Amino acid sequence: ENKVDVAHEATVGKIGDEDVFYLETRGLDDDDAKQMIVAGFIEPITEELPIEYAVELNRLIELEMEGSLG
């Protein structure tokens, strides 16, 4: 179609306890499991960025998550 509008709607929610538990049973601690879940969610965005920006975005997310989860 020539006249199509595409939009994306995002929501914010709590990281699922079941998801964290699954990763913990695979040997990750709580913080690493949560970090992996967030990193997996944001990966499609960081893949499109130049490497310098992607590295900085990942650092900012890690700093923001430090001590705020759990």
Protein backbone atom coordinates (compact mmCIF):
# COMPACT_ATOMS: atom_id res chain seq x y z
CA GLU A 1 0.00 0.00 0.00
CA ASN A 2 1.15 3.53 -0.73
CA LYS A 3 -0.75 5.16 2.12
CA VAL A 4 0.09 3.20 5.24
CA ASP A 5 0.93 4.55 8.68
CA VAL A 6 2.93 2.26 10.93
CA ALA A 7 3.26 2.86 14.65
CA HIS A 8 4.81 1.06 17.56
CA GLU A 9 3.42 1.09 21.04
CA ALA A 10 5.70 0.21 23.95
CA THR A 11 4.79 -0.64 27.49
CA VAL A 12 6.80 -0.77 30.66
CA GLY A 13 6.35 -3.58 33.09
CA LYS A 14 8.01 -5.65 35.73
CA ILE A 15 10.48 -8.29 34.66
CA GLY A 16 8.74 -11.63 35.06
CA ASP A 17 9.75 -13.70 38.07
CA GLU A 18 9.46 -16.85 35.96
CA ASP A 19 11.94 -15.47 33.41
CA VAL A 20 14.44 -14.57 36.12
CA PHE A 21 13.99 -17.96 37.79
CA TYR A 22 14.61 -19.76 34.52
CA LEU A 23 17.92 -17.95 34.01
CA GLU A 24 18.89 -18.49 37.64
CA THR A 25 18.41 -22.24 37.19
CA ARG A 26 20.91 -21.95 34.35
CA GLY A 27 23.57 -20.50 36.67
CA LEU A 28 23.03 -16.74 36.50
CA ASP A 29 22.58 -14.66 39.62
CA ASP A 30 19.55 -12.39 39.99
CA ASP A 31 21.18 -9.18 38.71
CA ASP A 32 22.82 -10.89 35.73
CA ALA A 33 19.53 -12.54 34.79
CA LYS A 34 17.69 -9.22 34.82
CA GLN A 35 20.46 -7.53 32.88
CA MET A 36 20.29 -10.28 30.24
CA ILE A 37 16.53 -9.89 29.88
CA VAL A 38 16.77 -6.12 29.40
CA ALA A 39 19.74 -6.47 27.03
CA GLY A 40 17.77 -8.95 24.92
CA PHE A 41 14.85 -6.57 24.71
CA ILE A 42 17.01 -3.61 23.63
CA GLU A 43 19.29 -5.58 21.26
CA PRO A 44 17.31 -4.92 18.06
CA ILE A 45 17.74 -1.19 18.67
CA THR A 46 21.43 -1.32 19.51
CA GLU A 47 22.14 -3.43 16.40
CA GLU A 48 21.00 -0.51 14.24
CA LEU A 49 23.21 2.05 15.98
CA PRO A 50 26.84 2.81 15.21
CA ILE A 51 29.03 0.76 17.59
CA GLU A 52 30.09 3.79 19.65
CA TYR A 53 26.49 4.71 20.39
CA ALA A 54 25.45 1.14 21.08
CA VAL A 55 28.25 0.70 23.62
CA GLU A 56 27.29 3.95 25.33
CA LEU A 57 23.59 3.04 25.38
CA ASN A 58 24.39 -0.32 26.98
CA ARG A 59 26.54 1.42 29.62
CA LEU A 60 23.76 3.89 30.40
CA ILE A 61 21.20 1.12 30.77
CA GLU A 62 23.54 -0.83 33.04
CA LEU A 63 24.12 2.24 35.22
CA GLU A 64 20.39 2.95 35.38
CA MET A 65 19.64 -0.63 36.42
CA GLU A 66 22.36 -0.73 39.08
CA GLY A 67 20.65 -1.00 42.44
CA SER A 68 17.19 -0.23 41.05
CA LEU A 69 16.01 -3.79 40.46
CA GLY A 70 15.08 -6.42 42.90
